[in-house]
Amino acid sequence: MEYLKKSRHTSWCEWKGQANYYDLLVKNKKVEKVAWYYTEPAVDFQSLKDHIAFYPAPMDGCYVNGEKVTAQPGNFYGGWITHNIVGPFKGEAGTMFW
């Protein structure tokens, strides 16, 4: 948490509610909106409260059980793709309306 700074940026999810964001600050490098969280998620998503989700794309590397993940295509979704997850993946060309 020492490297995360609350961002002014917010967004709205029609299911989960208002998302808030963190920027990452390490030495002289700042990366904006690397993670998001919900302070007051909608009733059906209360389990997300007090958790942080990270976008893998802006990071030097994110790993699951030692495997470097691939970021979900596009800039909107924050999915972490490993060898055992099969697409197609939302965010690829032609997936906008499905």
PDB file of N, CA and C in Angstrom:
ATOM      1  N   MET A   1       0.825  -1.199   0.000  1.00  0.00           N
ATOM      2  CA  MET A   1       0.000   0.000   0.000  1.00  0.00           C
ATOM      3  C   MET A   1       0.866   1.260   0.000  1.00  0.00           C
ATOM      4  N   GLU A   2       2.136   1.129   0.404  1.00  0.00           N
ATOM      5  CA  GLU A   2       2.991   2.311   0.451  1.00  0.00           C
ATOM      6  C   GLU A   2       3.236   2.898  -0.928  1.00  0.00           C
ATOM      7  N   TYR A   3       3.023   2.139  -1.988  1.00  0.00           N
ATOM      8  CA  TYR A   3       3.250   2.616  -3.356  1.00  0.00           C
ATOM      9  C   TYR A   3       1.969   3.062  -4.058  1.00  0.00           C
ATOM     10  N   LEU A   4       0.840   2.896  -3.401  1.00  0.00           N
ATOM     11  CA  LEU A   4      -0.433   3.270  -4.002  1.00  0.00           C
ATOM     12  C   LEU A   4      -0.927   4.594  -3.438  1.00  0.00           C
ATOM     13  N   LYS A   5      -1.435   5.441  -4.342  1.00  0.00           N
ATOM     14  CA  LYS A   5      -1.998   6.726  -3.950  1.00  0.00           C
ATOM     15  C   LYS A   5      -3.402   6.812  -4.529  1.00  0.00           C
ATOM     16  N   LYS A   6      -4.363   7.198  -3.711  1.00  0.00           N
ATOM     17  CA  LYS A   6      -5.734   7.316  -4.197  1.00  0.00           C
ATOM     18  C   LYS A   6      -5.798   8.335  -5.324  1.00  0.00           C
ATOM     19  N   SER A   7      -6.483   7.953  -6.377  1.00  0.00           N
ATOM     20  CA  SER A   7      -6.665   8.806  -7.546  1.00  0.00           C
ATOM     21  C   SER A   7      -7.986   9.567  -7.414  1.00  0.00           C
ATOM     22  N   ARG A   8      -8.103  10.654  -8.112  1.00  0.00           N
ATOM     23  CA  ARG A   8      -9.380  11.375  -8.175  1.00  0.00           C
ATOM     24  C   ARG A   8     -10.345  10.705  -9.151  1.00  0.00           C
ATOM     25  N   HIS A   9      -9.815   9.839  -9.986  1.00  0.00           N
ATOM     26  CA  HIS A   9     -10.617   9.201 -11.027  1.00  0.00           C
ATOM     27  C   HIS A   9     -11.621   8.217 -10.420  1.00  0.00           C
ATOM     28  N   THR A  10     -12.824   8.237 -10.950  1.00  0.00           N
ATOM     29  CA  THR A  10     -13.852   7.266 -10.590  1.00  0.00           C
ATOM     30  C   THR A  10     -14.538   6.802 -11.865  1.00  0.00           C
ATOM     31  N   SER A  11     -15.249   5.714 -11.774  1.00  0.00           N
ATOM     32  CA  SER A  11     -16.086   5.246 -12.885  1.00  0.00           C
ATOM     33  C   SER A  11     -17.318   4.587 -12.286  1.00  0.00           C
ATOM     34  N   TRP A  12     -18.269   4.290 -13.131  1.00  0.00           N
ATOM     35  CA  TRP A  12     -19.523   3.712 -12.655  1.00  0.00           C
ATOM     36  C   TRP A  12     -19.780   2.386 -13.356  1.00  0.00           C
ATOM     37  N   CYS A  13     -20.028   1.367 -12.581  1.00  0.00           N
ATOM     38  CA  CYS A  13     -20.419   0.061 -13.108  1.00  0.00           C
ATOM     39  C   CYS A  13     -21.903  -0.122 -12.822  1.00  0.00           C
ATOM     40  N   GLU A  14     -22.651  -0.465 -13.849  1.00  0.00           N
ATOM     41  CA  GLU A  14     -24.097  -0.612 -13.685  1.00  0.00           C
ATOM     42  C   GLU A  14     -24.479  -1.715 -12.704  1.00  0.00           C
ATOM     43  N   TRP A  15     -23.571  -2.637 -12.422  1.00  0.00           N
ATOM     44  CA  TRP A  15     -23.855  -3.734 -11.493  1.00  0.00           C
ATOM     45  C   TRP A  15     -23.229  -3.515 -10.125  1.00  0.00           C
ATOM     46  N   LYS A  16     -22.007  -3.032 -10.103  1.00  0.00           N
ATOM     47  CA  LYS A  16     -21.271  -2.957  -8.833  1.00  0.00           C
ATOM     48  C   LYS A  16     -21.315  -1.577  -8.178  1.00  0.00           C
ATOM     49  N   GLY A  17     -21.546  -0.528  -8.953  1.00  0.00           N
ATOM     50  CA  GLY A  17     -21.585   0.817  -8.388  1.00  0.00           C
ATOM     51  C   GLY A  17     -20.346   1.621  -8.733  1.00  0.00           C
ATOM     52  N   GLN A  18     -20.022   2.602  -7.901  1.00  0.00           N
ATOM     53  CA  GLN A  18     -18.897   3.493  -8.176  1.00  0.00           C
ATOM     54  C   GLN A  18     -17.573   2.818  -7.833  1.00  0.00           C
ATOM     55  N   ALA A  19     -16.670   2.847  -8.803  1.00  0.00           N
ATOM     56  CA  ALA A  19     -15.309   2.356  -8.591  1.00  0.00           C
ATOM     57  C   ALA A  19     -14.391   3.550  -8.351  1.00  0.00           C
ATOM     58  N   ASN A  20     -13.465   3.363  -7.452  1.00  0.00           N
ATOM     59  CA  ASN A  20     -12.424   4.342  -7.179  1.00  0.00           C
ATOM     60  C   ASN A  20     -11.103   3.740  -7.627  1.00  0.00           C
ATOM     61  N   TYR A  21     -10.089   4.568  -7.832  1.00  0.00           N
ATOM     62  CA  TYR A  21      -8.837   4.090  -8.412  1.00  0.00           C
ATOM     63  C   TYR A  21      -7.621   4.472  -7.582  1.00  0.00           C
ATOM     64  N   TYR A  22      -6.566   3.704  -7.792  1.00  0.00           N
ATOM     65  CA  TYR A  22      -5.253   4.001  -7.224  1.00  0.00           C
ATOM     66  C   TYR A  22      -4.274   4.255  -8.356  1.00  0.00           C
ATOM     67  N   ASP A  23      -3.341   5.175  -8.113  1.00  0.00           N
ATOM     68  CA  ASP A  23      -2.174   5.367  -8.967  1.00  0.00           C
ATOM     69  C   ASP A  23      -1.006   4.666  -8.269  1.00  0.00           C
ATOM     70  N   LEU A  24      -0.025   4.266  -9.037  1.00  0.00           N
ATOM     71  CA  LEU A  24       1.165   3.608  -8.513  1.00  0.00           C
ATOM     72  C   LEU A  24       2.337   4.582  -8.577  1.00  0.00           C
ATOM     73  N   LEU A  25       3.028   4.746  -7.461  1.00  0.00           N
ATOM     74  CA  LEU A  25       4.191   5.627  -7.410  1.00  0.00           C
ATOM     75  C   LEU A  25       5.381   4.841  -6.868  1.00  0.00           C
ATOM     76  N   VAL A  26       6.371   4.597  -7.726  1.00  0.00           N
ATOM     77  CA  VAL A  26       7.587   3.896  -7.334  1.00  0.00           C
ATOM     78  C   VAL A  26       8.770   4.723  -7.821  1.00  0.00           C
ATOM     79  N   LYS A  27       9.590   5.152  -6.862  1.00  0.00           N
ATOM     80  CA  LYS A  27      10.721   6.039  -7.147  1.00  0.00           C
ATOM     81  C   LYS A  27      10.211   7.245  -7.921  1.00  0.00           C
ATOM     82  N   ASN A  28      10.683   7.477  -9.125  1.00  0.00           N
ATOM     83  CA  ASN A  28      10.243   8.634  -9.914  1.00  0.00           C
ATOM     84  C   ASN A  28       9.204   8.270 -10.961  1.00  0.00           C
ATOM     85  N   LYS A  29       8.666   7.070 -10.885  1.00  0.00           N
ATOM     86  CA  LYS A  29       7.708   6.613 -11.889  1.00  0.00           C
ATOM     87  C   LYS A  29       6.292   6.607 -11.318  1.00  0.00           C
ATOM     88  N   LYS A  30       5.365   7.223 -12.068  1.00  0.00           N
ATOM     89  CA  LYS A  30       3.957   7.238 -11.682  1.00  0.00           C
ATOM     90  C   LYS A  30       3.153   6.601 -12.814  1.00  0.00           C
ATOM     91  N   VAL A  31       2.322   5.646 -12.448  1.00  0.00           N
ATOM     92  CA  VAL A  31       1.414   5.024 -13.414  1.00  0.00           C
ATOM     93  C   VAL A  31       0.008   5.247 -12.872  1.00  0.00           C
ATOM     94  N   GLU A  32      -0.833   5.885 -13.685  1.00  0.00           N
ATOM     95  CA  GLU A  32      -2.178   6.235 -13.230  1.00  0.00           C
ATOM     96  C   GLU A  32      -3.160   5.088 -13.425  1.00  0.00           C
ATOM     97  N   LYS A  33      -4.103   5.023 -12.506  1.00  0.00           N
ATOM     98  CA  LYS A  33      -5.227   4.075 -12.548  1.00  0.00           C
ATOM     99  C   LYS A  33      -4.768   2.625 -12.760  1.00  0.00           C
ATOM    100  N   VAL A  34      -3.883   2.152 -11.926  1.00  0.00           N
ATOM    101  CA  VAL A  34      -3.399   0.768 -12.046  1.00  0.00           C
ATOM    102  C   VAL A  34      -4.295  -0.218 -11.312  1.00  0.00           C
ATOM    103  N   ALA A  35      -5.125   0.298 -10.399  1.00  0.00           N
ATOM    104  CA  ALA A  35      -5.971  -0.585  -9.604  1.00  0.00           C
ATOM    105  C   ALA A  35      -7.275   0.122  -9.271  1.00  0.00           C
ATOM    106  N   TRP A  36      -8.300  -0.680  -8.992  1.00  0.00           N
ATOM    107  CA  TRP A  36      -9.588  -0.102  -8.629  1.00  0.00           C
ATOM    108  C   TRP A  36     -10.181  -0.848  -7.449  1.00  0.00           C
ATOM    109  N   TYR A  37     -11.121  -0.183  -6.795  1.00  0.00           N
ATOM    110  CA  TYR A  37     -11.772  -0.757  -5.617  1.00  0.00           C
ATOM    111  C   TYR A  37     -13.144  -0.113  -5.439  1.00  0.00           C
ATOM    112  N   TYR A  38     -13.968  -0.770  -4.643  1.00  0.00           N
ATOM    113  CA  TYR A  38     -15.315  -0.290  -4.358  1.00  0.00           C
ATOM    114  C   TYR A  38     -15.448  -0.071  -2.858  1.00  0.00           C
ATOM    115  N   THR A  39     -15.708   1.168  -2.447  1.00  0.00           N
ATOM    116  CA  THR A  39     -15.888   1.434  -1.021  1.00  0.00           C
ATOM    117  C   THR A  39     -17.289   1.051  -0.564  1.00  0.00           C
ATOM    118  N   GLU A  40     -18.250   1.181  -1.450  1.00  0.00           N
ATOM    119  CA  GLU A  40     -19.640   0.840  -1.136  1.00  0.00           C
ATOM    120  C   GLU A  40     -20.252   0.095  -2.334  1.00  0.00           C
ATOM    121  N   PRO A  41     -19.845  -1.145  -2.567  1.00  0.00           N
ATOM    122  CA  PRO A  41     -20.400  -1.872  -3.717  1.00  0.00           C
ATOM    123  C   PRO A  41     -21.889  -2.168  -3.527  1.00  0.00           C
ATOM    124  N   ALA A  42     -22.577  -2.388  -4.630  1.00  0.00           N
ATOM    125  CA  ALA A  42     -23.992  -2.740  -4.596  1.00  0.00           C
ATOM    126  C   ALA A  42     -24.190  -4.002  -3.742  1.00  0.00           C
ATOM    127  N   VAL A  43     -25.384  -4.192  -3.261  1.00  0.00           N
ATOM    128  CA  VAL A  43     -25.706  -5.284  -2.335  1.00  0.00           C
ATOM    129  C   VAL A  43     -25.208  -6.644  -2.831  1.00  0.00           C
ATOM    130  N   ASP A  44     -25.422  -6.955  -4.099  1.00  0.00           N
ATOM    131  CA  ASP A  44     -25.021  -8.268  -4.631  1.00  0.00           C
ATOM    132  C   ASP A  44     -23.509  -8.425  -4.769  1.00  0.00           C
ATOM    133  N   PHE A  45     -22.749  -7.362  -4.553  1.00  0.00           N
ATOM    134  CA  PHE A  45     -21.294  -7.399  -4.722  1.00  0.00           C
ATOM    135  C   PHE A  45     -20.552  -6.980  -3.460  1.00  0.00           C
ATOM    136  N   GLN A  46     -21.159  -7.129  -2.311  1.00  0.00           N
ATOM    137  CA  GLN A  46     -20.537  -6.739  -1.049  1.00  0.00           C
ATOM    138  C   GLN A  46     -19.216  -7.458  -0.793  1.00  0.00           C
ATOM    139  N   SER A  47     -19.037  -8.631  -1.377  1.00  0.00           N
ATOM    140  CA  SER A  47     -17.792  -9.371  -1.159  1.00  0.00           C
ATOM    141  C   SER A  47     -16.583  -8.649  -1.764  1.00  0.00           C
ATOM    142  N   LEU A  48     -16.818  -7.658  -2.640  1.00  0.00           N
ATOM    143  CA  LEU A  48     -15.714  -6.894  -3.229  1.00  0.00           C
ATOM    144  C   LEU A  48     -15.185  -5.806  -2.302  1.00  0.00           C
ATOM    145  N   LYS A  49     -15.981  -5.443  -1.308  1.00  0.00           N
ATOM    146  CA  LYS A  49     -15.587  -4.375  -0.390  1.00  0.00           C
ATOM    147  C   LYS A  49     -14.256  -4.734   0.283  1.00  0.00           C
ATOM    148  N   ASP A  50     -13.389  -3.743   0.387  1.00  0.00           N
ATOM    149  CA  ASP A  50     -12.076  -3.897   1.022  1.00  0.00           C
ATOM    150  C   ASP A  50     -11.099  -4.756   0.215  1.00  0.00           C
ATOM    151  N   HIS A  51     -11.355  -4.920  -1.085  1.00  0.00           N
ATOM    152  CA  HIS A  51     -10.434  -5.630  -1.974  1.00  0.00           C
ATOM    153  C   HIS A  51      -9.982  -4.683  -3.084  1.00  0.00           C
ATOM    154  N   ILE A  52      -8.804  -4.933  -3.613  1.00  0.00           N
ATOM    155  CA  ILE A  52      -8.244  -4.123  -4.699  1.00  0.00           C
ATOM    156  C   ILE A  52      -7.998  -5.031  -5.891  1.00  0.00           C
ATOM    157  N   ALA A  53      -8.391  -4.570  -7.078  1.00  0.00           N
ATOM    158  CA  ALA A  53      -8.136  -5.308  -8.325  1.00  0.00           C
ATOM    159  C   ALA A  53      -7.125  -4.522  -9.148  1.00  0.00           C
ATOM    160  N   PHE A  54      -6.142  -5.230  -9.690  1.00  0.00           N
ATOM    161  CA  PHE A  54      -5.082  -4.586 -10.459  1.00  0.00           C
ATOM    162  C   PHE A  54      -5.200  -4.914 -11.942  1.00  0.00           C
ATOM    163  N   TYR A  55      -4.959  -3.913 -12.780  1.00  0.00           N
ATOM    164  CA  TYR A  55      -4.803  -4.138 -14.212  1.00  0.00           C
ATOM    165  C   TYR A  55      -3.406  -4.711 -14.426  1.00  0.00           C
ATOM    166  N   PRO A  56      -3.265  -5.825 -15.129  1.00  0.00           N
ATOM    167  CA  PRO A  56      -1.923  -6.363 -15.345  1.00  0.00           C
ATOM    168  C   PRO A  56      -1.133  -5.612 -16.421  1.00  0.00           C
ATOM    169  N   ALA A  57      -1.808  -4.990 -17.385  1.00  0.00           N
ATOM    170  CA  ALA A  57      -1.124  -4.375 -18.533  1.00  0.00           C
ATOM    171  C   ALA A  57      -0.078  -3.325 -18.152  1.00  0.00           C
ATOM    172  N   PRO A  58      -0.338  -2.418 -17.215  1.00  0.00           N
ATOM    173  CA  PRO A  58       0.673  -1.395 -16.927  1.00  0.00           C
ATOM    174  C   PRO A  58       1.829  -1.879 -16.051  1.00  0.00           C
ATOM    175  N   MET A  59       1.749  -3.099 -15.570  1.00  0.00           N
ATOM    176  CA  MET A  59       2.787  -3.624 -14.678  1.00  0.00           C
ATOM    177  C   MET A  59       3.916  -4.282 -15.468  1.00  0.00           C
ATOM    178  N   ASP A  60       5.072  -4.348 -14.866  1.00  0.00           N
ATOM    179  CA  ASP A  60       6.199  -5.058 -15.487  1.00  0.00           C
ATOM    180  C   ASP A  60       5.921  -6.549 -15.545  1.00  0.00           C
ATOM    181  N   GLY A  61       5.109  -7.044 -14.641  1.00  0.00           N
ATOM    182  CA  GLY A  61       4.737  -8.453 -14.644  1.00  0.00           C
ATOM    183  C   GLY A  61       3.782  -8.752 -13.515  1.00  0.00           C
ATOM    184  N   CYS A  62       2.780  -9.570 -13.794  1.00  0.00           N
ATOM    185  CA  CYS A  62       1.847 -10.074 -12.785  1.00  0.00           C
ATOM    186  C   CYS A  62       1.827 -11.587 -12.935  1.00  0.00           C
ATOM    187  N   TYR A  63       1.811 -12.297 -11.827  1.00  0.00           N
ATOM    188  CA  TYR A  63       1.973 -13.741 -11.862  1.00  0.00           C
ATOM    189  C   TYR A  63       0.885 -14.460 -11.067  1.00  0.00           C
ATOM    190  N   VAL A  64       0.489 -15.615 -11.556  1.00  0.00           N
ATOM    191  CA  VAL A  64      -0.416 -16.521 -10.864  1.00  0.00           C
ATOM    192  C   VAL A  64       0.296 -17.861 -10.784  1.00  0.00           C
ATOM    193  N   ASN A  65       0.588 -18.306  -9.579  1.00  0.00           N
ATOM    194  CA  ASN A  65       1.303 -19.577  -9.366  1.00  0.00           C
ATOM    195  C   ASN A  65       2.572 -19.662 -10.207  1.00  0.00           C
ATOM    196  N   GLY A  66       3.312 -18.565 -10.295  1.00  0.00           N
ATOM    197  CA  GLY A  66       4.571 -18.547 -11.024  1.00  0.00           C
ATOM    198  C   GLY A  66       4.455 -18.302 -12.516  1.00  0.00           C
ATOM    199  N   GLU A  67       3.245 -18.284 -13.056  1.00  0.00           N
ATOM    200  CA  GLU A  67       3.040 -18.041 -14.491  1.00  0.00           C
ATOM    201  C   GLU A  67       2.759 -16.562 -14.727  1.00  0.00           C
ATOM    202  N   LYS A  68       3.516 -15.944 -15.630  1.00  0.00           N
ATOM    203  CA  LYS A  68       3.261 -14.551 -15.980  1.00  0.00           C
ATOM    204  C   LYS A  68       1.962 -14.487 -16.775  1.00  0.00           C
ATOM    205  N   VAL A  69       1.040 -13.654 -16.328  1.00  0.00           N
ATOM    206  CA  VAL A  69      -0.257 -13.556 -16.996  1.00  0.00           C
ATOM    207  C   VAL A  69      -0.178 -12.650 -18.213  1.00  0.00           C
ATOM    208  N   THR A  70      -1.138 -12.826 -19.098  1.00  0.00           N
ATOM    209  CA  THR A  70      -1.344 -11.939 -20.239  1.00  0.00           C
ATOM    210  C   THR A  70      -2.525 -11.051 -19.884  1.00  0.00           C
ATOM    211  N   ALA A  71      -2.420  -9.769 -20.164  1.00  0.00           N
ATOM    212  CA  ALA A  71      -3.527  -8.854 -19.891  1.00  0.00           C
ATOM    213  C   ALA A  71      -4.655  -9.092 -20.880  1.00  0.00           C
ATOM    214  N   GLN A  72      -5.885  -8.981 -20.400  1.00  0.00           N
ATOM    215  CA  GLN A  72      -7.038  -9.067 -21.294  1.00  0.00           C
ATOM    216  C   GLN A  72      -6.943  -7.939 -22.310  1.00  0.00           C
ATOM    217  N   PRO A  73      -7.266  -8.203 -23.575  1.00  0.00           N
ATOM    218  CA  PRO A  73      -7.140  -7.174 -24.618  1.00  0.00           C
ATOM    219  C   PRO A  73      -7.960  -5.911 -24.322  1.00  0.00           C
ATOM    220  N   GLY A  74      -7.516  -4.813 -24.869  1.00  0.00           N
ATOM    221  CA  GLY A  74      -8.222  -3.546 -24.723  1.00  0.00           C
ATOM    222  C   GLY A  74      -7.855  -2.852 -23.424  1.00  0.00           C
ATOM    223  N   ASN A  75      -8.359  -1.652 -23.237  1.00  0.00           N
ATOM    224  CA  ASN A  75      -8.034  -0.877 -22.043  1.00  0.00           C
ATOM    225  C   ASN A  75      -9.148  -0.859 -21.008  1.00  0.00           C
ATOM    226  N   PHE A  76     -10.261  -1.527 -21.293  1.00  0.00           N
ATOM    227  CA  PHE A  76     -11.423  -1.428 -20.414  1.00  0.00           C
ATOM    228  C   PHE A  76     -11.463  -2.519 -19.359  1.00  0.00           C
ATOM    229  N   TYR A  77     -11.123  -3.737 -19.743  1.00  0.00           N
ATOM    230  CA  TYR A  77     -11.230  -4.874 -18.839  1.00  0.00           C
ATOM    231  C   TYR A  77      -9.898  -5.165 -18.167  1.00  0.00           C
ATOM    232  N   GLY A  78      -9.962  -5.713 -16.983  1.00  0.00           N
ATOM    233  CA  GLY A  78      -8.750  -5.972 -16.217  1.00  0.00           C
ATOM    234  C   GLY A  78      -8.422  -7.437 -16.054  1.00  0.00           C
ATOM    235  N   GLY A  79      -8.884  -8.281 -16.979  1.00  0.00           N
ATOM    236  CA  GLY A  79      -8.690  -9.717 -16.837  1.00  0.00           C
ATOM    237  C   GLY A  79      -7.242 -10.168 -16.875  1.00  0.00           C
ATOM    238  N   TRP A  80      -6.973 -11.221 -16.135  1.00  0.00           N
ATOM    239  CA  TRP A  80      -5.659 -11.863 -16.085  1.00  0.00           C
ATOM    240  C   TRP A  80      -5.791 -13.198 -16.789  1.00  0.00           C
ATOM    241  N   ILE A  81      -5.127 -13.370 -17.919  1.00  0.00           N
ATOM    242  CA  ILE A  81      -5.256 -14.590 -18.719  1.00  0.00           C
ATOM    243  C   ILE A  81      -4.041 -15.491 -18.481  1.00  0.00           C
ATOM    244  N   THR A  82      -4.313 -16.740 -18.124  1.00  0.00           N
ATOM    245  CA  THR A  82      -3.264 -17.752 -17.952  1.00  0.00           C
ATOM    246  C   THR A  82      -3.451 -18.841 -18.999  1.00  0.00           C
ATOM    247  N   HIS A  83      -2.541 -19.785 -19.050  1.00  0.00           N
ATOM    248  CA  HIS A  83      -2.566 -20.830 -20.074  1.00  0.00           C
ATOM    249  C   HIS A  83      -3.840 -21.669 -20.030  1.00  0.00           C
ATOM    250  N   ASN A  84      -4.490 -21.765 -18.883  1.00  0.00           N
ATOM    251  CA  ASN A  84      -5.671 -22.621 -18.787  1.00  0.00           C
ATOM    252  C   ASN A  84      -6.989 -21.871 -18.970  1.00  0.00           C
ATOM    253  N   ILE A  85      -6.939 -20.617 -19.359  1.00  0.00           N
ATOM    254  CA  ILE A  85      -8.157 -19.848 -19.645  1.00  0.00           C
ATOM    255  C   ILE A  85      -8.284 -19.720 -21.156  1.00  0.00           C
ATOM    256  N   VAL A  86      -9.438 -20.134 -21.680  1.00  0.00           N
ATOM    257  CA  VAL A  86      -9.654 -20.184 -23.125  1.00  0.00           C
ATOM    258  C   VAL A  86     -10.583 -19.053 -23.548  1.00  0.00           C
ATOM    259  N   GLY A  87     -10.240 -18.348 -24.639  1.00  0.00           N
ATOM    260  CA  GLY A  87     -11.047 -17.247 -25.173  1.00  0.00           C
ATOM    261  C   GLY A  87     -12.125 -17.750 -26.091  1.00  0.00           C
ATOM    262  N   PRO A  88     -12.769 -16.901 -26.846  1.00  0.00           N
ATOM    263  CA  PRO A  88     -12.354 -15.523 -27.118  1.00  0.00           C
ATOM    264  C   PRO A  88     -12.559 -14.626 -25.903  1.00  0.00           C
ATOM    265  N   PHE A  89     -11.844 -13.504 -25.916  1.00  0.00           N
ATOM    266  CA  PHE A  89     -11.872 -12.591 -24.796  1.00  0.00           C
ATOM    267  C   PHE A  89     -12.483 -11.263 -25.206  1.00  0.00           C
ATOM    268  N   LYS A  90     -13.362 -10.757 -24.361  1.00  0.00           N
ATOM    269  CA  LYS A  90     -13.935  -9.437 -24.566  1.00  0.00           C
ATOM    270  C   LYS A  90     -12.783  -8.440 -24.590  1.00  0.00           C
ATOM    271  N   GLY A  91     -12.830  -7.517 -25.534  1.00  0.00           N
ATOM    272  CA  GLY A  91     -11.759  -6.541 -25.695  1.00  0.00           C
ATOM    273  C   GLY A  91     -10.994  -6.736 -26.995  1.00  0.00           C
ATOM    274  N   GLU A  92     -11.101  -7.961 -27.556  1.00  0.00           N
ATOM    275  CA  GLU A  92     -10.463  -8.207 -28.869  1.00  0.00           C
ATOM    276  C   GLU A  92     -11.277  -7.522 -29.953  1.00  0.00           C
ATOM    277  N   ALA A  93     -10.673  -7.337 -31.104  1.00  0.00           N
ATOM    278  CA  ALA A  93     -11.381  -6.722 -32.241  1.00  0.00           C
ATOM    279  C   ALA A  93     -12.665  -7.488 -32.520  1.00  0.00           C
ATOM    280  N   GLY A  94     -13.764  -6.756 -32.732  1.00  0.00           N
ATOM    281  CA  GLY A  94     -15.050  -7.369 -33.059  1.00  0.00           C
ATOM    282  C   GLY A  94     -15.872  -7.814 -31.862  1.00  0.00           C
ATOM    283  N   THR A  95     -15.426  -7.517 -30.648  1.00  0.00           N
ATOM    284  CA  THR A  95     -16.158  -7.984 -29.456  1.00  0.00           C
ATOM    285  C   THR A  95     -16.951  -6.885 -28.755  1.00  0.00           C
ATOM    286  N   MET A  96     -17.019  -5.722 -29.339  1.00  0.00           N
ATOM    287  CA  MET A  96     -17.625  -4.583 -28.653  1.00  0.00           C
ATOM    288  C   MET A  96     -19.060  -4.810 -28.200  1.00  0.00           C
ATOM    289  N   PHE A  97     -19.874  -5.477 -28.993  1.00  0.00           N
ATOM    290  CA  PHE A  97     -21.287  -5.564 -28.678  1.00  0.00           C
ATOM    291  C   PHE A  97     -21.744  -6.951 -28.236  1.00  0.00           C
ATOM    292  N   TRP A  98     -20.832  -7.788 -27.715  1.00  0.00           N
ATOM    293  CA  TRP A  98     -21.270  -9.067 -27.155  1.00  0.00           C
ATOM    294  C   TRP A  98     -20.805  -9.260 -25.749  1.00  0.00           C
TER     295      TRP A  98
END
